[in-house]
ModelCIF file with pLDDT and N, C-alpha, C, O atoms, coordinates in Angstrom:
data_MODEL
#
_entry.id   MODEL 
#
_entity.id                         1 
_entity.type                       polymer 
_entity.pdbx_number_of_molecules   1 
#
_entity_poly.entity_id                      1 
_entity_poly.type                           'polypeptide(L)' 
_entity_poly.nstd_linkage                   no 
_entity_poly.nstd_monomer                   no 
_entity_poly.pdbx_seq_one_letter_code       
;(UNK)(UNK)(UNK)(UNK)(UNK)(UNK)(UNK)(UNK)(UNK)(UNK)(UNK)(UNK)(UNK)(UNK)(UNK)(UNK)
(UNK)(UNK)(UNK)(UNK)(UNK)(UNK)(UNK)(UNK)(UNK)(UNK)(UNK)(UNK)(UNK)(UNK)(UNK)(UNK)
(UNK)(UNK)(UNK)(UNK)(UNK)(UNK)(UNK)(UNK)(UNK)(UNK)(UNK)(UNK)(UNK)(UNK)(UNK)(UNK)
;
_entity_poly.pdbx_seq_one_letter_code_can   XXXXXXXXXXXXXXXXXXXXXXXXXXXXXXXXXXXXXXXXXXXXXXXX 
_entity_poly.pdbx_strand_id                 A 
#
loop_
_entity_poly_seq.entity_id 
_entity_poly_seq.num 
_entity_poly_seq.mon_id 
_entity_poly_seq.hetero 
1 1  UNK n 
1 2  UNK n 
1 3  UNK n 
1 4  UNK n 
1 5  UNK n 
1 6  UNK n 
1 7  UNK n 
1 8  UNK n 
1 9  UNK n 
1 10 UNK n 
1 11 UNK n 
1 12 UNK n 
1 13 UNK n 
1 14 UNK n 
1 15 UNK n 
1 16 UNK n 
1 17 UNK n 
1 18 UNK n 
1 19 UNK n 
1 20 UNK n 
1 21 UNK n 
1 22 UNK n 
1 23 UNK n 
1 24 UNK n 
1 25 UNK n 
1 26 UNK n 
1 27 UNK n 
1 28 UNK n 
1 29 UNK n 
1 30 UNK n 
1 31 UNK n 
1 32 UNK n 
1 33 UNK n 
1 34 UNK n 
1 35 UNK n 
1 36 UNK n 
1 37 UNK n 
1 38 UNK n 
1 39 UNK n 
1 40 UNK n 
1 41 UNK n 
1 42 UNK n 
1 43 UNK n 
1 44 UNK n 
1 45 UNK n 
1 46 UNK n 
1 47 UNK n 
1 48 UNK n 
#
_struct_asym.id          A 
_struct_asym.entity_id   1 
#
loop_
_ma_qa_metric.id 
_ma_qa_metric.mode 
_ma_qa_metric.name 
_ma_qa_metric.software_group_id 
_ma_qa_metric.type 
1 global pLDDT . pLDDT 
2 local  pLDDT . pLDDT 
#
_ma_qa_metric_global.metric_id      1 
_ma_qa_metric_global.metric_value   94.71 
_ma_qa_metric_global.model_id       1 
_ma_qa_metric_global.ordinal_id     1 
#
loop_
_ma_qa_metric_local.label_asym_id 
_ma_qa_metric_local.label_comp_id 
_ma_qa_metric_local.label_seq_id 
_ma_qa_metric_local.metric_id 
_ma_qa_metric_local.metric_value 
_ma_qa_metric_local.model_id 
_ma_qa_metric_local.ordinal_id 
A UNK 1  2 92.00 1 1  
A UNK 2  2 93.00 1 2  
A UNK 3  2 95.00 1 3  
A UNK 4  2 96.00 1 4  
A UNK 5  2 95.00 1 5  
A UNK 6  2 94.00 1 6  
A UNK 7  2 94.00 1 7  
A UNK 8  2 95.00 1 8  
A UNK 9  2 96.00 1 9  
A UNK 10 2 97.00 1 10 
A UNK 11 2 97.00 1 11 
A UNK 12 2 97.00 1 12 
A UNK 13 2 96.00 1 13 
A UNK 14 2 96.00 1 14 
A UNK 15 2 96.00 1 15 
A UNK 16 2 96.00 1 16 
A UNK 17 2 96.00 1 17 
A UNK 18 2 96.00 1 18 
A UNK 19 2 96.00 1 19 
A UNK 20 2 95.00 1 20 
A UNK 21 2 92.00 1 21 
A UNK 22 2 92.00 1 22 
A UNK 23 2 94.00 1 23 
A UNK 24 2 96.00 1 24 
A UNK 25 2 96.00 1 25 
A UNK 26 2 95.00 1 26 
A UNK 27 2 96.00 1 27 
A UNK 28 2 95.00 1 28 
A UNK 29 2 95.00 1 29 
A UNK 30 2 95.00 1 30 
A UNK 31 2 95.00 1 31 
A UNK 32 2 96.00 1 32 
A UNK 33 2 96.00 1 33 
A UNK 34 2 97.00 1 34 
A UNK 35 2 96.00 1 35 
A UNK 36 2 96.00 1 36 
A UNK 37 2 97.00 1 37 
A UNK 38 2 96.00 1 38 
A UNK 39 2 96.00 1 39 
A UNK 40 2 95.00 1 40 
A UNK 41 2 92.00 1 41 
A UNK 42 2 90.00 1 42 
A UNK 43 2 85.00 1 43 
A UNK 44 2 84.00 1 44 
A UNK 45 2 92.00 1 45 
A UNK 46 2 95.00 1 46 
A UNK 47 2 97.00 1 47 
A UNK 48 2 97.00 1 48 
#
loop_
_atom_site.group_PDB 
_atom_site.id 
_atom_site.type_symbol 
_atom_site.label_atom_id 
_atom_site.label_alt_id 
_atom_site.label_comp_id 
_atom_site.label_asym_id 
_atom_site.label_entity_id 
_atom_site.label_seq_id 
_atom_site.pdbx_PDB_ins_code 
_atom_site.Cartn_x 
_atom_site.Cartn_y 
_atom_site.Cartn_z 
_atom_site.occupancy 
_atom_site.B_iso_or_equiv 
_atom_site.pdbx_formal_charge 
_atom_site.auth_seq_id 
_atom_site.auth_comp_id 
_atom_site.auth_asym_id 
_atom_site.auth_atom_id 
_atom_site.pdbx_PDB_model_num 
ATOM 1   N N  . UNK A 1 1  ? 22.416 -34.309 52.974 1.00 92.00 ? 1  UNK A N  1 
ATOM 2   C CA . UNK A 1 1  ? 21.907 -34.347 54.336 1.00 92.00 ? 1  UNK A CA 1 
ATOM 3   C C  . UNK A 1 1  ? 21.666 -32.925 54.814 1.00 92.00 ? 1  UNK A C  1 
ATOM 4   O O  . UNK A 1 1  ? 22.184 -31.966 54.242 1.00 92.00 ? 1  UNK A O  1 
ATOM 5   N N  . UNK A 1 2  ? 20.881 -32.804 55.858 1.00 93.00 ? 2  UNK A N  1 
ATOM 6   C CA . UNK A 1 2  ? 20.698 -31.519 56.513 1.00 93.00 ? 2  UNK A CA 1 
ATOM 7   C C  . UNK A 1 2  ? 21.439 -31.512 57.832 1.00 93.00 ? 2  UNK A C  1 
ATOM 8   O O  . UNK A 1 2  ? 21.446 -32.507 58.557 1.00 93.00 ? 2  UNK A O  1 
ATOM 9   N N  . UNK A 1 3  ? 22.058 -30.394 58.141 1.00 95.00 ? 3  UNK A N  1 
ATOM 10  C CA . UNK A 1 3  ? 22.766 -30.231 59.404 1.00 95.00 ? 3  UNK A CA 1 
ATOM 11  C C  . UNK A 1 3  ? 22.258 -28.967 60.083 1.00 95.00 ? 3  UNK A C  1 
ATOM 12  O O  . UNK A 1 3  ? 22.170 -27.908 59.462 1.00 95.00 ? 3  UNK A O  1 
ATOM 13  N N  . UNK A 1 4  ? 21.928 -29.091 61.356 1.00 96.00 ? 4  UNK A N  1 
ATOM 14  C CA . UNK A 1 4  ? 21.335 -27.983 62.096 1.00 96.00 ? 4  UNK A CA 1 
ATOM 15  C C  . UNK A 1 4  ? 22.418 -27.105 62.695 1.00 96.00 ? 4  UNK A C  1 
ATOM 16  O O  . UNK A 1 4  ? 23.216 -27.568 63.510 1.00 96.00 ? 4  UNK A O  1 
ATOM 17  N N  . UNK A 1 5  ? 22.449 -25.857 62.302 1.00 95.00 ? 5  UNK A N  1 
ATOM 18  C CA . UNK A 1 5  ? 23.317 -24.896 62.977 1.00 95.00 ? 5  UNK A CA 1 
ATOM 19  C C  . UNK A 1 5  ? 22.691 -24.520 64.314 1.00 95.00 ? 5  UNK A C  1 
ATOM 20  O O  . UNK A 1 5  ? 21.481 -24.672 64.483 1.00 95.00 ? 5  UNK A O  1 
ATOM 21  N N  . UNK A 1 6  ? 23.487 -24.030 65.273 1.00 94.00 ? 6  UNK A N  1 
ATOM 22  C CA . UNK A 1 6  ? 22.904 -23.588 66.541 1.00 94.00 ? 6  UNK A CA 1 
ATOM 23  C C  . UNK A 1 6  ? 21.879 -22.476 66.313 1.00 94.00 ? 6  UNK A C  1 
ATOM 24  O O  . UNK A 1 6  ? 22.064 -21.617 65.452 1.00 94.00 ? 6  UNK A O  1 
ATOM 25  N N  . UNK A 1 7  ? 20.808 -22.503 67.085 1.00 94.00 ? 7  UNK A N  1 
ATOM 26  C CA . UNK A 1 7  ? 19.803 -21.449 66.956 1.00 94.00 ? 7  UNK A CA 1 
ATOM 27  C C  . UNK A 1 7  ? 20.396 -20.107 67.371 1.00 94.00 ? 7  UNK A C  1 
ATOM 28  O O  . UNK A 1 7  ? 21.281 -20.037 68.223 1.00 94.00 ? 7  UNK A O  1 
ATOM 29  N N  . UNK A 1 8  ? 19.894 -19.056 66.758 1.00 95.00 ? 8  UNK A N  1 
ATOM 30  C CA . UNK A 1 8  ? 20.389 -17.709 67.030 1.00 95.00 ? 8  UNK A CA 1 
ATOM 31  C C  . UNK A 1 8  ? 19.249 -16.856 67.575 1.00 95.00 ? 8  UNK A C  1 
ATOM 32  O O  . UNK A 1 8  ? 18.100 -16.998 67.156 1.00 95.00 ? 8  UNK A O  1 
ATOM 33  N N  . UNK A 1 9  ? 19.576 -15.970 68.510 1.00 96.00 ? 9  UNK A N  1 
ATOM 34  C CA . UNK A 1 9  ? 18.612 -15.040 69.077 1.00 96.00 ? 9  UNK A CA 1 
ATOM 35  C C  . UNK A 1 9  ? 18.946 -13.625 68.604 1.00 96.00 ? 9  UNK A C  1 
ATOM 36  O O  . UNK A 1 9  ? 20.070 -13.154 68.776 1.00 96.00 ? 9  UNK A O  1 
ATOM 37  N N  . UNK A 1 10 ? 17.978 -12.968 68.018 1.00 97.00 ? 10 UNK A N  1 
ATOM 38  C CA . UNK A 1 10 ? 18.122 -11.593 67.558 1.00 97.00 ? 10 UNK A CA 1 
ATOM 39  C C  . UNK A 1 10 ? 17.070 -10.745 68.266 1.00 97.00 ? 10 UNK A C  1 
ATOM 40  O O  . UNK A 1 10 ? 16.028 -11.250 68.683 1.00 97.00 ? 10 UNK A O  1 
ATOM 41  N N  . UNK A 1 11 ? 17.353 -9.462  68.395 1.00 97.00 ? 11 UNK A N  1 
ATOM 42  C CA . UNK A 1 11 ? 16.470 -8.597  69.174 1.00 97.00 ? 11 UNK A CA 1 
ATOM 43  C C  . UNK A 1 11 ? 16.098 -7.343  68.378 1.00 97.00 ? 11 UNK A C  1 
ATOM 44  O O  . UNK A 1 11 ? 16.876 -6.823  67.578 1.00 97.00 ? 11 UNK A O  1 
ATOM 45  N N  . UNK A 1 12 ? 14.910 -6.901  68.630 1.00 97.00 ? 12 UNK A N  1 
ATOM 46  C CA . UNK A 1 12 ? 14.427 -5.651  68.038 1.00 97.00 ? 12 UNK A CA 1 
ATOM 47  C C  . UNK A 1 12 ? 13.586 -4.936  69.085 1.00 97.00 ? 12 UNK A C  1 
ATOM 48  O O  . UNK A 1 12 ? 13.123 -5.543  70.051 1.00 97.00 ? 12 UNK A O  1 
ATOM 49  N N  . UNK A 1 13 ? 13.398 -3.643  68.880 1.00 96.00 ? 13 UNK A N  1 
ATOM 50  C CA . UNK A 1 13 ? 12.575 -2.873  69.807 1.00 96.00 ? 13 UNK A CA 1 
ATOM 51  C C  . UNK A 1 13 ? 11.526 -2.091  69.021 1.00 96.00 ? 13 UNK A C  1 
ATOM 52  O O  . UNK A 1 13 ? 11.838 -1.403  68.049 1.00 96.00 ? 13 UNK A O  1 
ATOM 53  N N  . UNK A 1 14 ? 10.302 -2.211  69.457 1.00 96.00 ? 14 UNK A N  1 
ATOM 54  C CA . UNK A 1 14 ? 9.230  -1.374  68.935 1.00 96.00 ? 14 UNK A CA 1 
ATOM 55  C C  . UNK A 1 14 ? 9.157  -0.146  69.834 1.00 96.00 ? 14 UNK A C  1 
ATOM 56  O O  . UNK A 1 14 ? 9.000  -0.252  71.051 1.00 96.00 ? 14 UNK A O  1 
ATOM 57  N N  . UNK A 1 15 ? 9.271  0.996   69.221 1.00 96.00 ? 15 UNK A N  1 
ATOM 58  C CA . UNK A 1 15 ? 9.206  2.258   69.978 1.00 96.00 ? 15 UNK A CA 1 
ATOM 59  C C  . UNK A 1 15 ? 8.306  3.205   69.190 1.00 96.00 ? 15 UNK A C  1 
ATOM 60  O O  . UNK A 1 15 ? 8.715  3.741   68.160 1.00 96.00 ? 15 UNK A O  1 
ATOM 61  N N  . UNK A 1 16 ? 7.109  3.407   69.662 1.00 96.00 ? 16 UNK A N  1 
ATOM 62  C CA . UNK A 1 16 ? 6.115  4.167   68.921 1.00 96.00 ? 16 UNK A CA 1 
ATOM 63  C C  . UNK A 1 16 ? 5.408  5.164   69.831 1.00 96.00 ? 16 UNK A C  1 
ATOM 64  O O  . UNK A 1 16 ? 5.188  4.909   71.015 1.00 96.00 ? 16 UNK A O  1 
ATOM 65  N N  . UNK A 1 17 ? 5.055  6.313   69.243 1.00 96.00 ? 17 UNK A N  1 
ATOM 66  C CA . UNK A 1 17 ? 4.251  7.317   69.939 1.00 96.00 ? 17 UNK A CA 1 
ATOM 67  C C  . UNK A 1 17 ? 2.805  7.204   69.451 1.00 96.00 ? 17 UNK A C  1 
ATOM 68  O O  . UNK A 1 17 ? 2.548  7.185   68.247 1.00 96.00 ? 17 UNK A O  1 
ATOM 69  N N  . UNK A 1 18 ? 1.879  7.130   70.385 1.00 96.00 ? 18 UNK A N  1 
ATOM 70  C CA . UNK A 1 18 ? 0.458  7.010   70.073 1.00 96.00 ? 18 UNK A CA 1 
ATOM 71  C C  . UNK A 1 18 ? -0.213 8.325   70.425 1.00 96.00 ? 18 UNK A C  1 
ATOM 72  O O  . UNK A 1 18 ? -0.308 8.689   71.597 1.00 96.00 ? 18 UNK A O  1 
ATOM 73  N N  . UNK A 1 19 ? -0.672 9.028   69.417 1.00 96.00 ? 19 UNK A N  1 
ATOM 74  C CA . UNK A 1 19 ? -1.301 10.337  69.618 1.00 96.00 ? 19 UNK A CA 1 
ATOM 75  C C  . UNK A 1 19 ? -2.787 10.141  69.877 1.00 96.00 ? 19 UNK A C  1 
ATOM 76  O O  . UNK A 1 19 ? -3.519 9.655   69.015 1.00 96.00 ? 19 UNK A O  1 
ATOM 77  N N  . UNK A 1 20 ? -3.227 10.522  71.067 1.00 95.00 ? 20 UNK A N  1 
ATOM 78  C CA . UNK A 1 20 ? -4.637 10.403  71.441 1.00 95.00 ? 20 UNK A CA 1 
ATOM 79  C C  . UNK A 1 20 ? -5.333 11.766  71.499 1.00 95.00 ? 20 UNK A C  1 
ATOM 80  O O  . UNK A 1 20 ? -6.499 11.861  71.882 1.00 95.00 ? 20 UNK A O  1 
ATOM 81  N N  . UNK A 1 21 ? -4.607 12.808  71.118 1.00 92.00 ? 21 UNK A N  1 
ATOM 82  C CA . UNK A 1 21 ? -5.197 14.145  71.098 1.00 92.00 ? 21 UNK A CA 1 
ATOM 83  C C  . UNK A 1 21 ? -5.322 14.802  72.448 1.00 92.00 ? 21 UNK A C  1 
ATOM 84  O O  . UNK A 1 21 ? -5.944 15.858  72.567 1.00 92.00 ? 21 UNK A O  1 
ATOM 85  N N  . UNK A 1 22 ? -4.747 14.202  73.466 1.00 92.00 ? 22 UNK A N  1 
ATOM 86  C CA . UNK A 1 22 ? -4.818 14.773  74.805 1.00 92.00 ? 22 UNK A CA 1 
ATOM 87  C C  . UNK A 1 22 ? -4.085 13.888  75.792 1.00 92.00 ? 22 UNK A C  1 
ATOM 88  O O  . UNK A 1 22 ? -3.689 12.771  75.458 1.00 92.00 ? 22 UNK A O  1 
ATOM 89  N N  . UNK A 1 23 ? -3.903 14.382  77.004 1.00 94.00 ? 23 UNK A N  1 
ATOM 90  C CA . UNK A 1 23 ? -3.134 13.628  77.993 1.00 94.00 ? 23 UNK A CA 1 
ATOM 91  C C  . UNK A 1 23 ? -3.902 12.416  78.526 1.00 94.00 ? 23 UNK A C  1 
ATOM 92  O O  . UNK A 1 23 ? -5.132 12.362  78.491 1.00 94.00 ? 23 UNK A O  1 
ATOM 93  N N  . UNK A 1 24 ? -3.129 11.452  79.019 1.00 96.00 ? 24 UNK A N  1 
ATOM 94  C CA . UNK A 1 24 ? -3.663 10.261  79.670 1.00 96.00 ? 24 UNK A CA 1 
ATOM 95  C C  . UNK A 1 24 ? -3.332 10.346  81.150 1.00 96.00 ? 24 UNK A C  1 
ATOM 96  O O  . UNK A 1 24 ? -2.221 10.714  81.530 1.00 96.00 ? 24 UNK A O  1 
ATOM 97  N N  . UNK A 1 25 ? -4.317 10.000  81.987 1.00 96.00 ? 25 UNK A N  1 
ATOM 98  C CA . UNK A 1 25 ? -4.096 10.081  83.432 1.00 96.00 ? 25 UNK A CA 1 
ATOM 99  C C  . UNK A 1 25 ? -3.208 8.948   83.918 1.00 96.00 ? 25 UNK A C  1 
ATOM 100 O O  . UNK A 1 25 ? -2.253 9.179   84.660 1.00 96.00 ? 25 UNK A O  1 
ATOM 101 N N  . UNK A 1 26 ? -3.514 7.734   83.505 1.00 95.00 ? 26 UNK A N  1 
ATOM 102 C CA . UNK A 1 26 ? -2.678 6.591   83.881 1.00 95.00 ? 26 UNK A CA 1 
ATOM 103 C C  . UNK A 1 26 ? -3.032 5.393   82.989 1.00 95.00 ? 26 UNK A C  1 
ATOM 104 O O  . UNK A 1 26 ? -4.093 5.336   82.367 1.00 95.00 ? 26 UNK A O  1 
ATOM 105 N N  . UNK A 1 27 ? -2.097 4.448   82.959 1.00 96.00 ? 27 UNK A N  1 
ATOM 106 C CA . UNK A 1 27 ? -2.268 3.213   82.199 1.00 96.00 ? 27 UNK A CA 1 
ATOM 107 C C  . UNK A 1 27 ? -2.656 2.103   83.166 1.00 96.00 ? 27 UNK A C  1 
ATOM 108 O O  . UNK A 1 27 ? -2.028 1.930   84.210 1.00 96.00 ? 27 UNK A O  1 
ATOM 109 N N  . UNK A 1 28 ? -3.694 1.352   82.813 1.00 95.00 ? 28 UNK A N  1 
ATOM 110 C CA . UNK A 1 28 ? -4.171 0.271   83.669 1.00 95.00 ? 28 UNK A CA 1 
ATOM 111 C C  . UNK A 1 28 ? -3.549 -1.062  83.291 1.00 95.00 ? 28 UNK A C  1 
ATOM 112 O O  . UNK A 1 28 ? -3.133 -1.822  84.165 1.00 95.00 ? 28 UNK A O  1 
ATOM 113 N N  . UNK A 1 29 ? -3.482 -1.354  81.995 1.00 95.00 ? 29 UNK A N  1 
ATOM 114 C CA . UNK A 1 29 ? -3.079 -2.689  81.560 1.00 95.00 ? 29 UNK A CA 1 
ATOM 115 C C  . UNK A 1 29 ? -2.668 -2.647  80.095 1.00 95.00 ? 29 UNK A C  1 
ATOM 116 O O  . UNK A 1 29 ? -3.059 -1.749  79.349 1.00 95.00 ? 29 UNK A O  1 
ATOM 117 N N  . UNK A 1 30 ? -1.867 -3.645  79.695 1.00 95.00 ? 30 UNK A N  1 
ATOM 118 C CA . UNK A 1 30 ? -1.493 -3.756  78.286 1.00 95.00 ? 30 UNK A CA 1 
ATOM 119 C C  . UNK A 1 30 ? -1.239 -5.214  77.936 1.00 95.00 ? 30 UNK A C  1 
ATOM 120 O O  . UNK A 1 30 ? -0.999 -6.041  78.815 1.00 95.00 ? 30 UNK A O  1 
ATOM 121 N N  . UNK A 1 31 ? -1.294 -5.518  76.657 1.00 95.00 ? 31 UNK A N  1 
ATOM 122 C CA . UNK A 1 31 ? -0.965 -6.853  76.166 1.00 95.00 ? 31 UNK A CA 1 
ATOM 123 C C  . UNK A 1 31 ? -0.413 -6.721  74.759 1.00 95.00 ? 31 UNK A C  1 
ATOM 124 O O  . UNK A 1 31 ? -0.652 -5.722  74.080 1.00 95.00 ? 31 UNK A O  1 
ATOM 125 N N  . UNK A 1 32 ? 0.328  -7.736  74.324 1.00 96.00 ? 32 UNK A N  1 
ATOM 126 C CA . UNK A 1 32 ? 0.958  -7.691  72.999 1.00 96.00 ? 32 UNK A CA 1 
ATOM 127 C C  . UNK A 1 32 ? 1.011  -9.085  72.399 1.00 96.00 ? 32 UNK A C  1 
ATOM 128 O O  . UNK A 1 32 ? 1.215  -10.075 73.103 1.00 96.00 ? 32 UNK A O  1 
ATOM 129 N N  . UNK A 1 33 ? 0.821  -9.146  71.079 1.00 96.00 ? 33 UNK A N  1 
ATOM 130 C CA . UNK A 1 33 ? 0.921  -10.386 70.315 1.00 96.00 ? 33 UNK A CA 1 
ATOM 131 C C  . UNK A 1 33 ? 1.840  -10.143 69.123 1.00 96.00 ? 33 UNK A C  1 
ATOM 132 O O  . UNK A 1 33 ? 1.917  -9.033  68.595 1.00 96.00 ? 33 UNK A O  1 
ATOM 133 N N  . UNK A 1 34 ? 2.531  -11.197 68.710 1.00 97.00 ? 34 UNK A N  1 
ATOM 134 C CA . UNK A 1 34 ? 3.359  -11.111 67.509 1.00 97.00 ? 34 UNK A CA 1 
ATOM 135 C C  . UNK A 1 34 ? 2.851  -12.112 66.480 1.00 97.00 ? 34 UNK A C  1 
ATOM 136 O O  . UNK A 1 34 ? 2.416  -13.210 66.827 1.00 97.00 ? 34 UNK A O  1 
ATOM 137 N N  . UNK A 1 35 ? 2.911  -11.721 65.215 1.00 96.00 ? 35 UNK A N  1 
ATOM 138 C CA . UNK A 1 35 ? 2.425  -12.573 64.141 1.00 96.00 ? 35 UNK A CA 1 
ATOM 139 C C  . UNK A 1 35 ? 3.516  -13.445 63.550 1.00 96.00 ? 35 UNK A C  1 
ATOM 140 O O  . UNK A 1 35 ? 4.575  -13.635 64.148 1.00 96.00 ? 35 UNK A O  1 
ATOM 141 N N  . UNK A 1 36 ? 3.247  -13.958 62.394 1.00 96.00 ? 36 UNK A N  1 
ATOM 142 C CA . UNK A 1 36 ? 4.187  -14.816 61.683 1.00 96.00 ? 36 UNK A CA 1 
ATOM 143 C C  . UNK A 1 36 ? 5.393  -14.006 61.233 1.00 96.00 ? 36 UNK A C  1 
ATOM 144 O O  . UNK A 1 36 ? 5.250  -12.858 60.814 1.00 96.00 ? 36 UNK A O  1 
ATOM 145 N N  . UNK A 1 37 ? 6.579  -14.597 61.317 1.00 97.00 ? 37 UNK A N  1 
ATOM 146 C CA . UNK A 1 37 ? 7.812  -13.930 60.895 1.00 97.00 ? 37 UNK A CA 1 
ATOM 147 C C  . UNK A 1 37 ? 7.998  -14.135 59.397 1.00 97.00 ? 37 UNK A C  1 
ATOM 148 O O  . UNK A 1 37 ? 7.963  -15.261 58.901 1.00 97.00 ? 37 UNK A O  1 
ATOM 149 N N  . UNK A 1 38 ? 8.196  -13.038 58.690 1.00 96.00 ? 38 UNK A N  1 
ATOM 150 C CA . UNK A 1 38 ? 8.502  -13.081 57.257 1.00 96.00 ? 38 UNK A CA 1 
ATOM 151 C C  . UNK A 1 38 ? 10.001 -12.830 57.066 1.00 96.00 ? 38 UNK A C  1 
ATOM 152 O O  . UNK A 1 38 ? 10.559 -11.915 57.671 1.00 96.00 ? 38 UNK A O  1 
ATOM 153 N N  . UNK A 1 39 ? 10.646 -13.634 56.232 1.00 96.00 ? 39 UNK A N  1 
ATOM 154 C CA . UNK A 1 39 ? 12.085 -13.501 55.970 1.00 96.00 ? 39 UNK A CA 1 
ATOM 155 C C  . UNK A 1 39 ? 12.280 -13.157 54.507 1.00 96.00 ? 39 UNK A C  1 
ATOM 156 O O  . UNK A 1 39 ? 11.848 -13.895 53.622 1.00 96.00 ? 39 UNK A O  1 
ATOM 157 N N  . UNK A 1 40 ? 12.939 -12.023 54.257 1.00 95.00 ? 40 UNK A N  1 
ATOM 158 C CA . UNK A 1 40 ? 13.237 -11.609 52.890 1.00 95.00 ? 40 UNK A CA 1 
ATOM 159 C C  . UNK A 1 40 ? 14.721 -11.310 52.760 1.00 95.00 ? 40 UNK A C  1 
ATOM 160 O O  . UNK A 1 40 ? 15.400 -11.031 53.748 1.00 95.00 ? 40 UNK A O  1 
ATOM 161 N N  . UNK A 1 41 ? 15.214 -11.373 51.531 1.00 92.00 ? 41 UNK A N  1 
ATOM 162 C CA . UNK A 1 41 ? 16.611 -11.052 51.260 1.00 92.00 ? 41 UNK A CA 1 
ATOM 163 C C  . UNK A 1 41 ? 16.691 -9.650  50.685 1.00 92.00 ? 41 UNK A C  1 
ATOM 164 O O  . UNK A 1 41 ? 16.065 -9.344  49.669 1.00 92.00 ? 41 UNK A O  1 
ATOM 165 N N  . UNK A 1 42 ? 17.470 -8.800  51.348 1.00 90.00 ? 42 UNK A N  1 
ATOM 166 C CA . UNK A 1 42 ? 17.599 -7.411  50.922 1.00 90.00 ? 42 UNK A CA 1 
ATOM 167 C C  . UNK A 1 42 ? 19.053 -6.980  51.051 1.00 90.00 ? 42 UNK A C  1 
ATOM 168 O O  . UNK A 1 42 ? 19.590 -6.879  52.154 1.00 90.00 ? 42 UNK A O  1 
ATOM 169 N N  . UNK A 1 43 ? 19.678 -6.729  49.912 1.00 85.00 ? 43 UNK A N  1 
ATOM 170 C CA . UNK A 1 43 ? 21.044 -6.216  49.914 1.00 85.00 ? 43 UNK A CA 1 
ATOM 171 C C  . UNK A 1 43 ? 22.042 -7.109  50.607 1.00 85.00 ? 43 UNK A C  1 
ATOM 172 O O  . UNK A 1 43 ? 22.904 -6.621  51.336 1.00 85.00 ? 43 UNK A O  1 
ATOM 173 N N  . UNK A 1 44 ? 21.943 -8.415  50.394 1.00 84.00 ? 44 UNK A N  1 
ATOM 174 C CA . UNK A 1 44 ? 22.883 -9.335  51.008 1.00 84.00 ? 44 UNK A CA 1 
ATOM 175 C C  . UNK A 1 44 ? 22.582 -9.679  52.438 1.00 84.00 ? 44 UNK A C  1 
ATOM 176 O O  . UNK A 1 44 ? 23.312 -10.452 53.058 1.00 84.00 ? 44 UNK A O  1 
ATOM 177 N N  . UNK A 1 45 ? 21.516 -9.121  52.976 1.00 92.00 ? 45 UNK A N  1 
ATOM 178 C CA . UNK A 1 45 ? 21.094 -9.397  54.353 1.00 92.00 ? 45 UNK A CA 1 
ATOM 179 C C  . UNK A 1 45 ? 19.763 -10.133 54.337 1.00 92.00 ? 45 UNK A C  1 
ATOM 180 O O  . UNK A 1 45 ? 18.986 -10.023 53.389 1.00 92.00 ? 45 UNK A O  1 
ATOM 181 N N  . UNK A 1 46 ? 19.515 -10.883 55.404 1.00 95.00 ? 46 UNK A N  1 
ATOM 182 C CA . UNK A 1 46 ? 18.194 -11.437 55.628 1.00 95.00 ? 46 UNK A CA 1 
ATOM 183 C C  . UNK A 1 46 ? 17.465 -10.511 56.594 1.00 95.00 ? 46 UNK A C  1 
ATOM 184 O O  . UNK A 1 46 ? 17.950 -10.228 57.690 1.00 95.00 ? 46 UNK A O  1 
ATOM 185 N N  . UNK A 1 47 ? 16.308 -10.050 56.176 1.00 97.00 ? 47 UNK A N  1 
ATOM 186 C CA . UNK A 1 47 ? 15.517 -9.140  57.005 1.00 97.00 ? 47 UNK A CA 1 
ATOM 187 C C  . UNK A 1 47 ? 14.332 -9.925  57.564 1.00 97.00 ? 47 UNK A C  1 
ATOM 188 O O  . UNK A 1 47 ? 13.566 -10.535 56.819 1.00 97.00 ? 47 UNK A O  1 
ATOM 189 N N  . UNK A 1 48 ? 14.199 -9.897  58.884 1.00 97.00 ? 48 UNK A N  1 
ATOM 190 C CA . UNK A 1 48 ? 13.124 -10.588 59.574 1.00 97.00 ? 48 UNK A CA 1 
ATOM 191 C C  . UNK A 1 48 ? 12.112 -9.554  60.041 1.00 97.00 ? 48 UNK A C  1 
ATOM 192 O O  . UNK A 1 48 ? 11.105 -9.909  60.655 1.00 97.00 ? 48 UNK A O  1 
#
């Protein structure tokens, strides 16, 4: 049989510098999308 464990929430942060070759006056708007999650086994851990 299959038994469902409670769902788990994990968190990560994307922190990146975008070099545009010069200063920006202001930001008007932004949006973000996330793709499919890939799960691999690395060193006894599951990496998402």
